[in-house]
Amino acid sequence: MRFTPLMLLLSALFIATPSFAGAIVDARSSWQPSKCTPPQGLAAKSHDQEEAADSLNERIMQHNQFVAEAQNYMNCVSQEAQADADAASQSIIRSAQAIIQQTQAQVAASSARLQTK
């Protein structure tokens, strides 16, 4: 298979493109959500065998609330990541198209110069 300049350009763009939205955390371009709030962890409590049923019920309700908040957080992270990935993809495509159009214009101008001589 022969690599065309377009294939090389697109390959370089996909390899060298960092994340765009959310927040870039370090030099390795790890992505972090910017719109999602993580759930607050539950305070550790002793597991007293003599614990009253009301207290146990309270802990179970708190745990269930934490699980619901954690699920909402994970859904938020997933949605934000997908939106960011879509935006980055569209940005790459637009940039590549602009570069290709610019290069095609340069080729056309060069061809025109050759024909006028």
C-alpha atoms as a PDB file:
ATOM      1  CA  MET A   1       0.000   0.000   0.000  1.00  0.00           C
ATOM      2  CA  ARG A   2       1.321   3.418  -0.966  1.00  0.00           C
ATOM      3  CA  PHE A   3       1.011   6.278   1.523  1.00  0.00           C
ATOM      4  CA  THR A   4      -0.280   9.483  -0.013  1.00  0.00           C
ATOM      5  CA  PRO A   5       0.479  12.871   1.518  1.00  0.00           C
ATOM      6  CA  LEU A   6      -3.130  13.069   2.707  1.00  0.00           C
ATOM      7  CA  MET A   7      -2.866   9.739   4.537  1.00  0.00           C
ATOM      8  CA  LEU A   8       0.380  10.830   6.183  1.00  0.00           C
ATOM      9  CA  LEU A   9      -1.150  14.148   7.201  1.00  0.00           C
ATOM     10  CA  LEU A  10      -4.236  12.561   8.718  1.00  0.00           C
ATOM     11  CA  SER A  11      -2.130   9.962  10.521  1.00  0.00           C
ATOM     12  CA  ALA A  12       0.026  12.676  12.031  1.00  0.00           C
ATOM     13  CA  LEU A  13      -3.031  14.652  13.108  1.00  0.00           C
ATOM     14  CA  PHE A  14      -4.617  11.690  14.861  1.00  0.00           C
ATOM     15  CA  ILE A  15      -1.398  10.713  16.632  1.00  0.00           C
ATOM     16  CA  ALA A  16      -0.397  14.214  17.721  1.00  0.00           C
ATOM     17  CA  THR A  17      -3.764  15.631  18.745  1.00  0.00           C
ATOM     18  CA  PRO A  18      -4.245  16.261  22.477  1.00  0.00           C
ATOM     19  CA  SER A  19      -7.567  16.338  24.318  1.00  0.00           C
ATOM     20  CA  PHE A  20      -9.501  19.601  23.972  1.00  0.00           C
ATOM     21  CA  ALA A  21     -12.282  20.018  26.493  1.00  0.00           C
ATOM     22  CA  GLY A  22     -12.557  19.175  30.130  1.00  0.00           C
ATOM     23  CA  ALA A  23      -9.200  19.881  31.667  1.00  0.00           C
ATOM     24  CA  ILE A  24      -5.749  18.685  30.671  1.00  0.00           C
ATOM     25  CA  VAL A  25      -4.179  17.492  33.900  1.00  0.00           C
ATOM     26  CA  ASP A  26      -0.564  16.752  33.036  1.00  0.00           C
ATOM     27  CA  ALA A  27       1.919  16.481  30.187  1.00  0.00           C
ATOM     28  CA  ARG A  28       0.515  13.067  29.243  1.00  0.00           C
ATOM     29  CA  SER A  29      -2.829  14.688  28.342  1.00  0.00           C
ATOM     30  CA  SER A  30      -5.016  12.823  30.778  1.00  0.00           C
ATOM     31  CA  TRP A  31      -8.567  14.112  30.616  1.00  0.00           C
ATOM     32  CA  GLN A  32     -10.631  15.196  33.618  1.00  0.00           C
ATOM     33  CA  PRO A  33     -14.271  16.284  33.599  1.00  0.00           C
ATOM     34  CA  SER A  34     -14.908  19.961  34.280  1.00  0.00           C
ATOM     35  CA  LYS A  35     -18.699  19.958  34.746  1.00  0.00           C
ATOM     36  CA  CYS A  36     -19.271  16.930  36.996  1.00  0.00           C
ATOM     37  CA  THR A  37     -19.204  16.873  40.781  1.00  0.00           C
ATOM     38  CA  PRO A  38     -18.030  13.620  42.385  1.00  0.00           C
ATOM     39  CA  PRO A  39     -20.148  12.149  45.162  1.00  0.00           C
ATOM     40  CA  GLN A  40     -19.076  12.691  48.741  1.00  0.00           C
ATOM     41  CA  GLY A  41     -17.800   9.520  50.362  1.00  0.00           C
ATOM     42  CA  LEU A  42     -19.488   8.181  53.439  1.00  0.00           C
ATOM     43  CA  ALA A  43     -17.821   8.518  56.809  1.00  0.00           C
ATOM     44  CA  ALA A  44     -16.520   5.207  58.099  1.00  0.00           C
ATOM     45  CA  LYS A  45     -18.519   3.903  61.031  1.00  0.00           C
ATOM     46  CA  SER A  46     -17.840   1.019  63.325  1.00  0.00           C
ATOM     47  CA  HIS A  47     -19.598  -2.263  62.717  1.00  0.00           C
ATOM     48  CA  ASP A  48     -20.929  -2.758  66.216  1.00  0.00           C
ATOM     49  CA  GLN A  49     -22.898  -5.976  66.461  1.00  0.00           C
ATOM     50  CA  GLU A  50     -25.131  -4.292  69.019  1.00  0.00           C
ATOM     51  CA  GLU A  51     -26.009  -1.474  66.613  1.00  0.00           C
ATOM     52  CA  ALA A  52     -29.661  -0.547  66.719  1.00  0.00           C
ATOM     53  CA  ALA A  53     -31.849  -1.376  63.728  1.00  0.00           C
ATOM     54  CA  ASP A  54     -32.629   2.319  63.226  1.00  0.00           C
ATOM     55  CA  SER A  55     -28.936   3.122  62.946  1.00  0.00           C
ATOM     56  CA  LEU A  56     -28.410   0.272  60.488  1.00  0.00           C
ATOM     57  CA  ASN A  57     -31.372   1.456  58.410  1.00  0.00           C
ATOM     58  CA  GLU A  58     -29.904   4.980  58.410  1.00  0.00           C
ATOM     59  CA  ARG A  59     -26.543   3.664  57.136  1.00  0.00           C
ATOM     60  CA  ILE A  60     -28.279   1.654  54.409  1.00  0.00           C
ATOM     61  CA  MET A  61     -30.226   4.748  53.289  1.00  0.00           C
ATOM     62  CA  GLN A  62     -27.000   6.792  53.249  1.00  0.00           C
ATOM     63  CA  HIS A  63     -25.277   4.077  51.244  1.00  0.00           C
ATOM     64  CA  ASN A  64     -28.151   3.965  48.738  1.00  0.00           C
ATOM     65  CA  GLN A  65     -27.995   7.759  48.387  1.00  0.00           C
ATOM     66  CA  PHE A  66     -24.239   7.552  47.802  1.00  0.00           C
ATOM     67  CA  VAL A  67     -24.739   4.871  45.136  1.00  0.00           C
ATOM     68  CA  ALA A  68     -27.327   7.064  43.366  1.00  0.00           C
ATOM     69  CA  GLU A  69     -24.971  10.071  43.456  1.00  0.00           C
ATOM     70  CA  ALA A  70     -22.095   7.909  42.196  1.00  0.00           C
ATOM     71  CA  GLN A  71     -24.244   6.699  39.278  1.00  0.00           C
ATOM     72  CA  ASN A  72     -25.207  10.278  38.410  1.00  0.00           C
ATOM     73  CA  TYR A  73     -21.538  11.275  38.519  1.00  0.00           C
ATOM     74  CA  MET A  74     -20.487   8.409  36.261  1.00  0.00           C
ATOM     75  CA  ASN A  75     -23.279   9.297  33.810  1.00  0.00           C
ATOM     76  CA  CYS A  76     -22.143  12.930  33.820  1.00  0.00           C
ATOM     77  CA  VAL A  77     -18.509  11.944  33.213  1.00  0.00           C
ATOM     78  CA  SER A  78     -19.525   9.646  30.375  1.00  0.00           C
ATOM     79  CA  GLN A  79     -21.666  12.320  28.705  1.00  0.00           C
ATOM     80  CA  GLU A  80     -19.008  15.005  29.067  1.00  0.00           C
ATOM     81  CA  ALA A  81     -16.313  12.695  27.732  1.00  0.00           C
ATOM     82  CA  GLN A  82     -18.454  11.802  24.720  1.00  0.00           C
ATOM     83  CA  ALA A  83     -19.209  15.465  24.002  1.00  0.00           C
ATOM     84  CA  ASP A  84     -15.521  16.339  24.301  1.00  0.00           C
ATOM     85  CA  ALA A  85     -14.510  13.448  22.038  1.00  0.00           C
ATOM     86  CA  ASP A  86     -17.087  14.518  19.441  1.00  0.00           C
ATOM     87  CA  ALA A  87     -15.896  18.131  19.572  1.00  0.00           C
ATOM     88  CA  ALA A  88     -12.245  17.090  19.266  1.00  0.00           C
ATOM     89  CA  SER A  89     -13.049  14.847  16.334  1.00  0.00           C
ATOM     90  CA  GLN A  90     -14.900  17.624  14.508  1.00  0.00           C
ATOM     91  CA  SER A  91     -12.062  20.052  15.197  1.00  0.00           C
ATOM     92  CA  ILE A  92      -9.512  17.628  13.754  1.00  0.00           C
ATOM     93  CA  ILE A  93     -11.627  17.098  10.648  1.00  0.00           C
ATOM     94  CA  ARG A  94     -12.112  20.859  10.107  1.00  0.00           C
ATOM     95  CA  SER A  95      -8.387  21.508  10.578  1.00  0.00           C
ATOM     96  CA  ALA A  96      -7.442  18.731   8.181  1.00  0.00           C
ATOM     97  CA  GLN A  97      -9.916  19.983   5.574  1.00  0.00           C
ATOM     98  CA  ALA A  98      -8.522  23.521   5.836  1.00  0.00           C
ATOM     99  CA  ILE A  99      -4.957  22.259   5.425  1.00  0.00           C
ATOM    100  CA  ILE A 100      -5.954  20.128   2.439  1.00  0.00           C
ATOM    101  CA  GLN A 101      -7.809  23.021   0.783  1.00  0.00           C
ATOM    102  CA  GLN A 102      -4.845  25.337   1.351  1.00  0.00           C
ATOM    103  CA  THR A 103      -2.448  22.785  -0.128  1.00  0.00           C
ATOM    104  CA  GLN A 104      -4.753  22.197  -3.122  1.00  0.00           C
ATOM    105  CA  ALA A 105      -4.816  25.957  -3.731  1.00  0.00           C
ATOM    106  CA  GLN A 106      -1.015  26.033  -3.636  1.00  0.00           C
ATOM    107  CA  VAL A 107      -0.841  23.165  -6.124  1.00  0.00           C
ATOM    108  CA  ALA A 108      -3.331  24.903  -8.419  1.00  0.00           C
ATOM    109  CA  ALA A 109      -1.381  28.167  -8.215  1.00  0.00           C
ATOM    110  CA  SER A 110       1.848  26.332  -9.028  1.00  0.00           C
ATOM    111  CA  SER A 111       0.187  24.616 -11.992  1.00  0.00           C
ATOM    112  CA  ALA A 112      -1.136  27.959 -13.240  1.00  0.00           C
ATOM    113  CA  ARG A 113       2.342  29.475 -13.058  1.00  0.00           C
ATOM    114  CA  LEU A 114       3.743  26.622 -15.155  1.00  0.00           C
ATOM    115  CA  GLN A 115       1.068  27.032 -17.799  1.00  0.00           C
ATOM    116  CA  THR A 116       1.623  30.776 -18.183  1.00  0.00           C
ATOM    117  CA  LYS A 117       5.321  30.423 -18.943  1.00  0.00           C
END
